[in-house]
Amino acid sequence: WAAIADAEAGPSAPVAQAPIATEGMSFREAKERAVASWEREYV
């Protein structure tokens, strides 16, 4: 949350690309992949 709100204290949080719905992939799995991608780029 701090990374989302605090652009002045650290680098700008990378903008997450909206995940494309993939047949056979649950919402939870798609969300976990999006979070992992965002976390890596942010760190």
ModelCIF file with pLDDT and N, C-alpha, C, O atoms, coordinates in Angstrom:
data_MODEL
#
_entry.id   MODEL 
#
_entity.id                         1 
_entity.type                       polymer 
_entity.pdbx_number_of_molecules   1 
#
_entity_poly.entity_id                      1 
_entity_poly.type                           'polypeptide(L)' 
_entity_poly.nstd_linkage                   no 
_entity_poly.nstd_monomer                   no 
_entity_poly.pdbx_seq_one_letter_code       WAAIADAEAGPSAPVAQAPIATEGMSFREAKERAVASWEREYV 
_entity_poly.pdbx_seq_one_letter_code_can   WAAIADAEAGPSAPVAQAPIATEGMSFREAKERAVASWEREYV 
_entity_poly.pdbx_strand_id                 A 
#
loop_
_entity_poly_seq.entity_id 
_entity_poly_seq.num 
_entity_poly_seq.mon_id 
_entity_poly_seq.hetero 
1 1  TRP n 
1 2  ALA n 
1 3  ALA n 
1 4  ILE n 
1 5  ALA n 
1 6  ASP n 
1 7  ALA n 
1 8  GLU n 
1 9  ALA n 
1 10 GLY n 
1 11 PRO n 
1 12 SER n 
1 13 ALA n 
1 14 PRO n 
1 15 VAL n 
1 16 ALA n 
1 17 GLN n 
1 18 ALA n 
1 19 PRO n 
1 20 ILE n 
1 21 ALA n 
1 22 THR n 
1 23 GLU n 
1 24 GLY n 
1 25 MET n 
1 26 SER n 
1 27 PHE n 
1 28 ARG n 
1 29 GLU n 
1 30 ALA n 
1 31 LYS n 
1 32 GLU n 
1 33 ARG n 
1 34 ALA n 
1 35 VAL n 
1 36 ALA n 
1 37 SER n 
1 38 TRP n 
1 39 GLU n 
1 40 ARG n 
1 41 GLU n 
1 42 TYR n 
1 43 VAL n 
#
_struct_asym.id          A 
_struct_asym.entity_id   1 
#
loop_
_ma_qa_metric.id 
_ma_qa_metric.mode 
_ma_qa_metric.name 
_ma_qa_metric.software_group_id 
_ma_qa_metric.type 
1 global pLDDT . pLDDT 
2 local  pLDDT . pLDDT 
#
_ma_qa_metric_global.metric_id      1 
_ma_qa_metric_global.metric_value   58.33 
_ma_qa_metric_global.model_id       1 
_ma_qa_metric_global.ordinal_id     1 
#
loop_
_ma_qa_metric_local.label_asym_id 
_ma_qa_metric_local.label_comp_id 
_ma_qa_metric_local.label_seq_id 
_ma_qa_metric_local.metric_id 
_ma_qa_metric_local.metric_value 
_ma_qa_metric_local.model_id 
_ma_qa_metric_local.ordinal_id 
A TRP 1  2 54.00 1 1  
A ALA 2  2 52.00 1 2  
A ALA 3  2 53.00 1 3  
A ILE 4  2 52.00 1 4  
A ALA 5  2 51.00 1 5  
A ASP 6  2 50.00 1 6  
A ALA 7  2 40.00 1 7  
A GLU 8  2 36.00 1 8  
A ALA 9  2 39.00 1 9  
A GLY 10 2 42.00 1 10 
A PRO 11 2 44.00 1 11 
A SER 12 2 44.00 1 12 
A ALA 13 2 44.00 1 13 
A PRO 14 2 47.00 1 14 
A VAL 15 2 47.00 1 15 
A ALA 16 2 46.00 1 16 
A GLN 17 2 51.00 1 17 
A ALA 18 2 50.00 1 18 
A PRO 19 2 53.00 1 19 
A ILE 20 2 55.00 1 20 
A ALA 21 2 54.00 1 21 
A THR 22 2 56.00 1 22 
A GLU 23 2 56.00 1 23 
A GLY 24 2 59.00 1 24 
A MET 25 2 64.00 1 25 
A SER 26 2 63.00 1 26 
A PHE 27 2 60.00 1 27 
A ARG 28 2 60.00 1 28 
A GLU 29 2 66.00 1 29 
A ALA 30 2 67.00 1 30 
A LYS 31 2 61.00 1 31 
A GLU 32 2 66.00 1 32 
A ARG 33 2 72.00 1 33 
A ALA 34 2 71.00 1 34 
A VAL 35 2 68.00 1 35 
A ALA 36 2 73.00 1 36 
A SER 37 2 76.00 1 37 
A TRP 38 2 74.00 1 38 
A GLU 39 2 75.00 1 39 
A ARG 40 2 80.00 1 40 
A GLU 41 2 79.00 1 41 
A TYR 42 2 77.00 1 42 
A VAL 43 2 81.00 1 43 
#
loop_
_atom_site.group_PDB 
_atom_site.id 
_atom_site.type_symbol 
_atom_site.label_atom_id 
_atom_site.label_alt_id 
_atom_site.label_comp_id 
_atom_site.label_asym_id 
_atom_site.label_entity_id 
_atom_site.label_seq_id 
_atom_site.pdbx_PDB_ins_code 
_atom_site.Cartn_x 
_atom_site.Cartn_y 
_atom_site.Cartn_z 
_atom_site.occupancy 
_atom_site.B_iso_or_equiv 
_atom_site.pdbx_formal_charge 
_atom_site.auth_seq_id 
_atom_site.auth_comp_id 
_atom_site.auth_asym_id 
_atom_site.auth_atom_id 
_atom_site.pdbx_PDB_model_num 
ATOM 1   N N  . TRP A 1 1  ? 0.825  -1.207  0.000   1.00 54.00 ? 1  TRP A N  1 
ATOM 2   C CA . TRP A 1 1  ? 0.000  0.000   0.000   1.00 54.00 ? 1  TRP A CA 1 
ATOM 3   C C  . TRP A 1 1  ? 0.862  1.261   0.000   1.00 54.00 ? 1  TRP A C  1 
ATOM 4   O O  . TRP A 1 1  ? 0.553  2.242   -0.677  1.00 54.00 ? 1  TRP A O  1 
ATOM 5   N N  . ALA A 1 2  ? 1.935  1.214   0.763   1.00 52.00 ? 2  ALA A N  1 
ATOM 6   C CA . ALA A 1 2  ? 2.805  2.388   0.814   1.00 52.00 ? 2  ALA A CA 1 
ATOM 7   C C  . ALA A 1 2  ? 3.364  2.706   -0.565  1.00 52.00 ? 2  ALA A C  1 
ATOM 8   O O  . ALA A 1 2  ? 3.483  3.869   -0.950  1.00 52.00 ? 2  ALA A O  1 
ATOM 9   N N  . ALA A 1 3  ? 3.706  1.649   -1.306  1.00 53.00 ? 3  ALA A N  1 
ATOM 10  C CA . ALA A 1 3  ? 4.257  1.860   -2.640  1.00 53.00 ? 3  ALA A CA 1 
ATOM 11  C C  . ALA A 1 3  ? 3.233  2.473   -3.577  1.00 53.00 ? 3  ALA A C  1 
ATOM 12  O O  . ALA A 1 3  ? 3.573  3.264   -4.457  1.00 53.00 ? 3  ALA A O  1 
ATOM 13  N N  . ILE A 1 4  ? 1.967  2.098   -3.378  1.00 52.00 ? 4  ILE A N  1 
ATOM 14  C CA . ILE A 1 4  ? 0.908  2.640   -4.219  1.00 52.00 ? 4  ILE A CA 1 
ATOM 15  C C  . ILE A 1 4  ? 0.720  4.125   -3.956  1.00 52.00 ? 4  ILE A C  1 
ATOM 16  O O  . ILE A 1 4  ? 0.559  4.914   -4.888  1.00 52.00 ? 4  ILE A O  1 
ATOM 17  N N  . ALA A 1 5  ? 0.742  4.502   -2.685  1.00 51.00 ? 5  ALA A N  1 
ATOM 18  C CA . ALA A 1 5  ? 0.364  5.861   -2.321  1.00 51.00 ? 5  ALA A CA 1 
ATOM 19  C C  . ALA A 1 5  ? 1.529  6.834   -2.247  1.00 51.00 ? 5  ALA A C  1 
ATOM 20  O O  . ALA A 1 5  ? 1.320  8.041   -2.363  1.00 51.00 ? 5  ALA A O  1 
ATOM 21  N N  . ASP A 1 6  ? 2.762  6.341   -2.055  1.00 50.00 ? 6  ASP A N  1 
ATOM 22  C CA . ASP A 1 6  ? 3.860  7.235   -1.717  1.00 50.00 ? 6  ASP A CA 1 
ATOM 23  C C  . ASP A 1 6  ? 4.868  7.356   -2.844  1.00 50.00 ? 6  ASP A C  1 
ATOM 24  O O  . ASP A 1 6  ? 5.944  6.762   -2.783  1.00 50.00 ? 6  ASP A O  1 
ATOM 25  N N  . ALA A 1 7  ? 4.530  8.113   -3.863  1.00 40.00 ? 7  ALA A N  1 
ATOM 26  C CA . ALA A 1 7  ? 5.433  8.286   -4.997  1.00 40.00 ? 7  ALA A CA 1 
ATOM 27  C C  . ALA A 1 7  ? 6.637  9.126   -4.622  1.00 40.00 ? 7  ALA A C  1 
ATOM 28  O O  . ALA A 1 7  ? 7.691  9.009   -5.248  1.00 40.00 ? 7  ALA A O  1 
ATOM 29  N N  . GLU A 1 8  ? 6.499  9.987   -3.594  1.00 36.00 ? 8  GLU A N  1 
ATOM 30  C CA . GLU A 1 8  ? 7.586  10.871  -3.232  1.00 36.00 ? 8  GLU A CA 1 
ATOM 31  C C  . GLU A 1 8  ? 8.662  10.154  -2.440  1.00 36.00 ? 8  GLU A C  1 
ATOM 32  O O  . GLU A 1 8  ? 9.837  10.504  -2.548  1.00 36.00 ? 8  GLU A O  1 
ATOM 33  N N  . ALA A 1 9  ? 8.289  9.153   -1.643  1.00 39.00 ? 9  ALA A N  1 
ATOM 34  C CA . ALA A 1 9  ? 9.248  8.486   -0.778  1.00 39.00 ? 9  ALA A CA 1 
ATOM 35  C C  . ALA A 1 9  ? 10.095 7.468   -1.515  1.00 39.00 ? 9  ALA A C  1 
ATOM 36  O O  . ALA A 1 9  ? 11.206 7.168   -1.079  1.00 39.00 ? 9  ALA A O  1 
ATOM 37  N N  . GLY A 1 10 ? 9.610  6.937   -2.604  1.00 42.00 ? 10 GLY A N  1 
ATOM 38  C CA . GLY A 1 10 ? 10.343 5.921   -3.345  1.00 42.00 ? 10 GLY A CA 1 
ATOM 39  C C  . GLY A 1 10 ? 10.088 6.055   -4.814  1.00 42.00 ? 10 GLY A C  1 
ATOM 40  O O  . GLY A 1 10 ? 9.515  7.059   -5.237  1.00 42.00 ? 10 GLY A O  1 
ATOM 41  N N  . PRO A 1 11 ? 10.484 5.091   -5.620  1.00 44.00 ? 11 PRO A N  1 
ATOM 42  C CA . PRO A 1 11 ? 10.263 5.161   -7.054  1.00 44.00 ? 11 PRO A CA 1 
ATOM 43  C C  . PRO A 1 11 ? 8.798  5.027   -7.378  1.00 44.00 ? 11 PRO A C  1 
ATOM 44  O O  . PRO A 1 11 ? 8.017  4.489   -6.594  1.00 44.00 ? 11 PRO A O  1 
ATOM 45  N N  . SER A 1 12 ? 8.437  5.520   -8.536  1.00 44.00 ? 12 SER A N  1 
ATOM 46  C CA . SER A 1 12 ? 7.051  5.379   -8.967  1.00 44.00 ? 12 SER A CA 1 
ATOM 47  C C  . SER A 1 12 ? 6.712  3.913   -9.139  1.00 44.00 ? 12 SER A C  1 
ATOM 48  O O  . SER A 1 12 ? 7.466  3.152   -9.747  1.00 44.00 ? 12 SER A O  1 
ATOM 49  N N  . ALA A 1 13 ? 5.573  3.528   -8.601  1.00 44.00 ? 13 ALA A N  1 
ATOM 50  C CA . ALA A 1 13 ? 5.152  2.141   -8.735  1.00 44.00 ? 13 ALA A CA 1 
ATOM 51  C C  . ALA A 1 13 ? 4.859  1.832   -10.184 1.00 44.00 ? 13 ALA A C  1 
ATOM 52  O O  . ALA A 1 13 ? 4.142  2.596   -10.829 1.00 44.00 ? 13 ALA A O  1 
ATOM 53  N N  . PRO A 1 14 ? 5.383  0.741   -10.727 1.00 47.00 ? 14 PRO A N  1 
ATOM 54  C CA . PRO A 1 14 ? 5.091  0.410   -12.110 1.00 47.00 ? 14 PRO A CA 1 
ATOM 55  C C  . PRO A 1 14 ? 3.612  0.155   -12.304 1.00 47.00 ? 14 PRO A C  1 
ATOM 56  O O  . PRO A 1 14 ? 2.950  -0.434  -11.450 1.00 47.00 ? 14 PRO A O  1 
ATOM 57  N N  . VAL A 1 15 ? 3.108  0.600   -13.427 1.00 47.00 ? 15 VAL A N  1 
ATOM 58  C CA . VAL A 1 15 ? 1.690  0.420   -13.719 1.00 47.00 ? 15 VAL A CA 1 
ATOM 59  C C  . VAL A 1 15 ? 1.443  -1.021  -14.143 1.00 47.00 ? 15 VAL A C  1 
ATOM 60  O O  . VAL A 1 15 ? 2.037  -1.513  -15.103 1.00 47.00 ? 15 VAL A O  1 
ATOM 61  N N  . ALA A 1 16 ? 0.563  -1.681  -13.416 1.00 46.00 ? 16 ALA A N  1 
ATOM 62  C CA . ALA A 1 16 ? 0.263  -3.080  -13.728 1.00 46.00 ? 16 ALA A CA 1 
ATOM 63  C C  . ALA A 1 16 ? -0.592 -3.167  -14.973 1.00 46.00 ? 16 ALA A C  1 
ATOM 64  O O  . ALA A 1 16 ? -1.593 -2.460  -15.087 1.00 46.00 ? 16 ALA A O  1 
ATOM 65  N N  . GLN A 1 17 ? -0.216 -4.018  -15.902 1.00 51.00 ? 17 GLN A N  1 
ATOM 66  C CA . GLN A 1 17 ? -1.029 -4.253  -17.074 1.00 51.00 ? 17 GLN A CA 1 
ATOM 67  C C  . GLN A 1 17 ? -2.189 -5.173  -16.717 1.00 51.00 ? 17 GLN A C  1 
ATOM 68  O O  . GLN A 1 17 ? -2.020 -6.151  -15.988 1.00 51.00 ? 17 GLN A O  1 
ATOM 69  N N  . ALA A 1 18 ? -3.338 -4.857  -17.224 1.00 50.00 ? 18 ALA A N  1 
ATOM 70  C CA . ALA A 1 18 ? -4.502 -5.686  -16.925 1.00 50.00 ? 18 ALA A CA 1 
ATOM 71  C C  . ALA A 1 18 ? -4.274 -7.097  -17.468 1.00 50.00 ? 18 ALA A C  1 
ATOM 72  O O  . ALA A 1 18 ? -3.997 -7.265  -18.655 1.00 50.00 ? 18 ALA A O  1 
ATOM 73  N N  . PRO A 1 19 ? -4.389 -8.124  -16.594 1.00 53.00 ? 19 PRO A N  1 
ATOM 74  C CA . PRO A 1 19 ? -4.165 -9.489  -17.067 1.00 53.00 ? 19 PRO A CA 1 
ATOM 75  C C  . PRO A 1 19 ? -5.247 -9.909  -18.045 1.00 53.00 ? 19 PRO A C  1 
ATOM 76  O O  . PRO A 1 19 ? -6.423 -9.593  -17.867 1.00 53.00 ? 19 PRO A O  1 
ATOM 77  N N  . ILE A 1 20 ? -4.837 -10.620 -19.069 1.00 55.00 ? 20 ILE A N  1 
ATOM 78  C CA . ILE A 1 20 ? -5.782 -11.107 -20.071 1.00 55.00 ? 20 ILE A CA 1 
ATOM 79  C C  . ILE A 1 20 ? -6.389 -12.418 -19.585 1.00 55.00 ? 20 ILE A C  1 
ATOM 80  O O  . ILE A 1 20 ? -5.677 -13.338 -19.182 1.00 55.00 ? 20 ILE A O  1 
ATOM 81  N N  . ALA A 1 21 ? -7.723 -12.487 -19.632 1.00 54.00 ? 21 ALA A N  1 
ATOM 82  C CA . ALA A 1 21 ? -8.398 -13.711 -19.190 1.00 54.00 ? 21 ALA A CA 1 
ATOM 83  C C  . ALA A 1 21 ? -7.986 -14.871 -20.083 1.00 54.00 ? 21 ALA A C  1 
ATOM 84  O O  . ALA A 1 21 ? -8.069 -14.783 -21.308 1.00 54.00 ? 21 ALA A O  1 
ATOM 85  N N  . THR A 1 22 ? -7.535 -15.974 -19.453 1.00 56.00 ? 22 THR A N  1 
ATOM 86  C CA . THR A 1 22 ? -7.085 -17.151 -20.190 1.00 56.00 ? 22 THR A CA 1 
ATOM 87  C C  . THR A 1 22 ? -7.992 -18.323 -19.841 1.00 56.00 ? 22 THR A C  1 
ATOM 88  O O  . THR A 1 22 ? -8.260 -18.582 -18.668 1.00 56.00 ? 22 THR A O  1 
ATOM 89  N N  . GLU A 1 23 ? -8.452 -19.016 -20.843 1.00 56.00 ? 23 GLU A N  1 
ATOM 90  C CA . GLU A 1 23 ? -9.347 -20.140 -20.613 1.00 56.00 ? 23 GLU A CA 1 
ATOM 91  C C  . GLU A 1 23 ? -8.644 -21.196 -19.756 1.00 56.00 ? 23 GLU A C  1 
ATOM 92  O O  . GLU A 1 23 ? -7.502 -21.573 -20.019 1.00 56.00 ? 23 GLU A O  1 
ATOM 93  N N  . GLY A 1 24 ? -9.342 -21.654 -18.744 1.00 59.00 ? 24 GLY A N  1 
ATOM 94  C CA . GLY A 1 24 ? -8.783 -22.681 -17.872 1.00 59.00 ? 24 GLY A CA 1 
ATOM 95  C C  . GLY A 1 24 ? -8.044 -22.122 -16.675 1.00 59.00 ? 24 GLY A C  1 
ATOM 96  O O  . GLY A 1 24 ? -7.680 -22.880 -15.776 1.00 59.00 ? 24 GLY A O  1 
ATOM 97  N N  . MET A 1 25 ? -7.805 -20.783 -16.635 1.00 64.00 ? 25 MET A N  1 
ATOM 98  C CA . MET A 1 25 ? -7.113 -20.166 -15.509 1.00 64.00 ? 25 MET A CA 1 
ATOM 99  C C  . MET A 1 25 ? -8.138 -19.496 -14.607 1.00 64.00 ? 25 MET A C  1 
ATOM 100 O O  . MET A 1 25 ? -8.944 -18.690 -15.072 1.00 64.00 ? 25 MET A O  1 
ATOM 101 N N  . SER A 1 26 ? -8.112 -19.823 -13.331 1.00 63.00 ? 26 SER A N  1 
ATOM 102 C CA . SER A 1 26 ? -9.060 -19.228 -12.392 1.00 63.00 ? 26 SER A CA 1 
ATOM 103 C C  . SER A 1 26 ? -8.701 -17.773 -12.128 1.00 63.00 ? 26 SER A C  1 
ATOM 104 O O  . SER A 1 26 ? -7.585 -17.337 -12.410 1.00 63.00 ? 26 SER A O  1 
ATOM 105 N N  . PHE A 1 27 ? -9.671 -17.015 -11.574 1.00 60.00 ? 27 PHE A N  1 
ATOM 106 C CA . PHE A 1 27 ? -9.432 -15.617 -11.210 1.00 60.00 ? 27 PHE A CA 1 
ATOM 107 C C  . PHE A 1 27 ? -8.292 -15.533 -10.194 1.00 60.00 ? 27 PHE A C  1 
ATOM 108 O O  . PHE A 1 27 ? -7.419 -14.672 -10.297 1.00 60.00 ? 27 PHE A O  1 
ATOM 109 N N  . ARG A 1 28 ? -8.313 -16.432 -9.218  1.00 60.00 ? 28 ARG A N  1 
ATOM 110 C CA . ARG A 1 28 ? -7.277 -16.415 -8.187  1.00 60.00 ? 28 ARG A CA 1 
ATOM 111 C C  . ARG A 1 28 ? -5.883 -16.607 -8.777  1.00 60.00 ? 28 ARG A C  1 
ATOM 112 O O  . ARG A 1 28 ? -4.939 -15.915 -8.397  1.00 60.00 ? 28 ARG A O  1 
ATOM 113 N N  . GLU A 1 29 ? -5.761 -17.543 -9.700  1.00 66.00 ? 29 GLU A N  1 
ATOM 114 C CA . GLU A 1 29 ? -4.464 -17.817 -10.315 1.00 66.00 ? 29 GLU A CA 1 
ATOM 115 C C  . GLU A 1 29 ? -3.999 -16.623 -11.147 1.00 66.00 ? 29 GLU A C  1 
ATOM 116 O O  . GLU A 1 29 ? -2.824 -16.257 -11.116 1.00 66.00 ? 29 GLU A O  1 
ATOM 117 N N  . ALA A 1 30 ? -4.943 -16.008 -11.902 1.00 67.00 ? 30 ALA A N  1 
ATOM 118 C CA . ALA A 1 30 ? -4.598 -14.839 -12.714 1.00 67.00 ? 30 ALA A CA 1 
ATOM 119 C C  . ALA A 1 30 ? -4.149 -13.685 -11.829 1.00 67.00 ? 30 ALA A C  1 
ATOM 120 O O  . ALA A 1 30 ? -3.202 -12.967 -12.151 1.00 67.00 ? 30 ALA A O  1 
ATOM 121 N N  . LYS A 1 31 ? -4.853 -13.518 -10.697 1.00 61.00 ? 31 LYS A N  1 
ATOM 122 C CA . LYS A 1 31 ? -4.492 -12.451 -9.772  1.00 61.00 ? 31 LYS A CA 1 
ATOM 123 C C  . LYS A 1 31 ? -3.105 -12.681 -9.188  1.00 61.00 ? 31 LYS A C  1 
ATOM 124 O O  . LYS A 1 31 ? -2.311 -11.745 -9.092  1.00 61.00 ? 31 LYS A O  1 
ATOM 125 N N  . GLU A 1 32 ? -2.803 -13.930 -8.794  1.00 66.00 ? 32 GLU A N  1 
ATOM 126 C CA . GLU A 1 32 ? -1.494 -14.234 -8.216  1.00 66.00 ? 32 GLU A CA 1 
ATOM 127 C C  . GLU A 1 32 ? -0.372 -13.956 -9.205  1.00 66.00 ? 32 GLU A C  1 
ATOM 128 O O  . GLU A 1 32 ? 0.688  -13.459 -8.826  1.00 66.00 ? 32 GLU A O  1 
ATOM 129 N N  . ARG A 1 33 ? -0.608 -14.279 -10.481 1.00 72.00 ? 33 ARG A N  1 
ATOM 130 C CA . ARG A 1 33 ? 0.407  -14.004 -11.505 1.00 72.00 ? 33 ARG A CA 1 
ATOM 131 C C  . ARG A 1 33 ? 0.626  -12.498 -11.670 1.00 72.00 ? 33 ARG A C  1 
ATOM 132 O O  . ARG A 1 33 ? 1.759  -12.034 -11.798 1.00 72.00 ? 33 ARG A O  1 
ATOM 133 N N  . ALA A 1 34 ? -0.488 -11.738 -11.665 1.00 71.00 ? 34 ALA A N  1 
ATOM 134 C CA . ALA A 1 34 ? -0.378 -10.284 -11.819 1.00 71.00 ? 34 ALA A CA 1 
ATOM 135 C C  . ALA A 1 34 ? 0.374  -9.673  -10.643 1.00 71.00 ? 34 ALA A C  1 
ATOM 136 O O  . ALA A 1 34 ? 1.226  -8.803  -10.827 1.00 71.00 ? 34 ALA A O  1 
ATOM 137 N N  . VAL A 1 35 ? 0.058  -10.129 -9.439  1.00 68.00 ? 35 VAL A N  1 
ATOM 138 C CA . VAL A 1 35 ? 0.730  -9.610  -8.248  1.00 68.00 ? 35 VAL A CA 1 
ATOM 139 C C  . VAL A 1 35 ? 2.214  -9.931  -8.289  1.00 68.00 ? 35 VAL A C  1 
ATOM 140 O O  . VAL A 1 35 ? 3.043  -9.073  -7.985  1.00 68.00 ? 35 VAL A O  1 
ATOM 141 N N  . ALA A 1 36 ? 2.557  -11.154 -8.661  1.00 73.00 ? 36 ALA A N  1 
ATOM 142 C CA . ALA A 1 36 ? 3.966  -11.568 -8.722  1.00 73.00 ? 36 ALA A CA 1 
ATOM 143 C C  . ALA A 1 36 ? 4.734  -10.709 -9.719  1.00 73.00 ? 36 ALA A C  1 
ATOM 144 O O  . ALA A 1 36 ? 5.848  -10.273 -9.430  1.00 73.00 ? 36 ALA A O  1 
ATOM 145 N N  . SER A 1 37 ? 4.145  -10.460 -10.895 1.00 76.00 ? 37 SER A N  1 
ATOM 146 C CA . SER A 1 37 ? 4.796  -9.635  -11.907 1.00 76.00 ? 37 SER A CA 1 
ATOM 147 C C  . SER A 1 37 ? 4.994  -8.211  -11.398 1.00 76.00 ? 37 SER A C  1 
ATOM 148 O O  . SER A 1 37 ? 6.059  -7.619  -11.575 1.00 76.00 ? 37 SER A O  1 
ATOM 149 N N  . TRP A 1 38 ? 3.952  -7.668  -10.760 1.00 74.00 ? 38 TRP A N  1 
ATOM 150 C CA . TRP A 1 38 ? 4.047  -6.300  -10.243 1.00 74.00 ? 38 TRP A CA 1 
ATOM 151 C C  . TRP A 1 38 ? 5.102  -6.217  -9.149  1.00 74.00 ? 38 TRP A C  1 
ATOM 152 O O  . TRP A 1 38 ? 5.917  -5.295  -9.146  1.00 74.00 ? 38 TRP A O  1 
ATOM 153 N N  . GLU A 1 39 ? 5.098  -7.179  -8.213  1.00 75.00 ? 39 GLU A N  1 
ATOM 154 C CA . GLU A 1 39 ? 6.050  -7.164  -7.114  1.00 75.00 ? 39 GLU A CA 1 
ATOM 155 C C  . GLU A 1 39 ? 7.491  -7.190  -7.613  1.00 75.00 ? 39 GLU A C  1 
ATOM 156 O O  . GLU A 1 39 ? 8.344  -6.457  -7.115  1.00 75.00 ? 39 GLU A O  1 
ATOM 157 N N  . ARG A 1 40 ? 7.752  -8.046  -8.607  1.00 80.00 ? 40 ARG A N  1 
ATOM 158 C CA . ARG A 1 40 ? 9.116  -8.164  -9.102  1.00 80.00 ? 40 ARG A CA 1 
ATOM 159 C C  . ARG A 1 40 ? 9.597  -6.840  -9.676  1.00 80.00 ? 40 ARG A C  1 
ATOM 160 O O  . ARG A 1 40 ? 10.705 -6.395  -9.372  1.00 80.00 ? 40 ARG A O  1 
ATOM 161 N N  . GLU A 1 41 ? 8.766  -6.203  -10.510 1.00 79.00 ? 41 GLU A N  1 
ATOM 162 C CA . GLU A 1 41 ? 9.166  -4.946  -11.128 1.00 79.00 ? 41 GLU A CA 1 
ATOM 163 C C  . GLU A 1 41 ? 9.306  -3.838  -10.083 1.00 79.00 ? 41 GLU A C  1 
ATOM 164 O O  . GLU A 1 41 ? 10.189 -2.986  -10.183 1.00 79.00 ? 41 GLU A O  1 
ATOM 165 N N  . TYR A 1 42 ? 8.437  -3.859  -9.094  1.00 77.00 ? 42 TYR A N  1 
ATOM 166 C CA . TYR A 1 42 ? 8.519  -2.839  -8.046  1.00 77.00 ? 42 TYR A CA 1 
ATOM 167 C C  . TYR A 1 42 ? 9.806  -2.999  -7.237  1.00 77.00 ? 42 TYR A C  1 
ATOM 168 O O  . TYR A 1 42 ? 10.527 -2.026  -7.020  1.00 77.00 ? 42 TYR A O  1 
ATOM 169 N N  . VAL A 1 43 ? 10.097 -4.230  -6.787  1.00 81.00 ? 43 VAL A N  1 
ATOM 170 C CA . VAL A 1 43 ? 11.291 -4.468  -5.979  1.00 81.00 ? 43 VAL A CA 1 
ATOM 171 C C  . VAL A 1 43 ? 12.545 -4.121  -6.776  1.00 81.00 ? 43 VAL A C  1 
ATOM 172 O O  . VAL A 1 43 ? 13.658 -4.255  -6.266  1.00 81.00 ? 43 VAL A O  1 
#
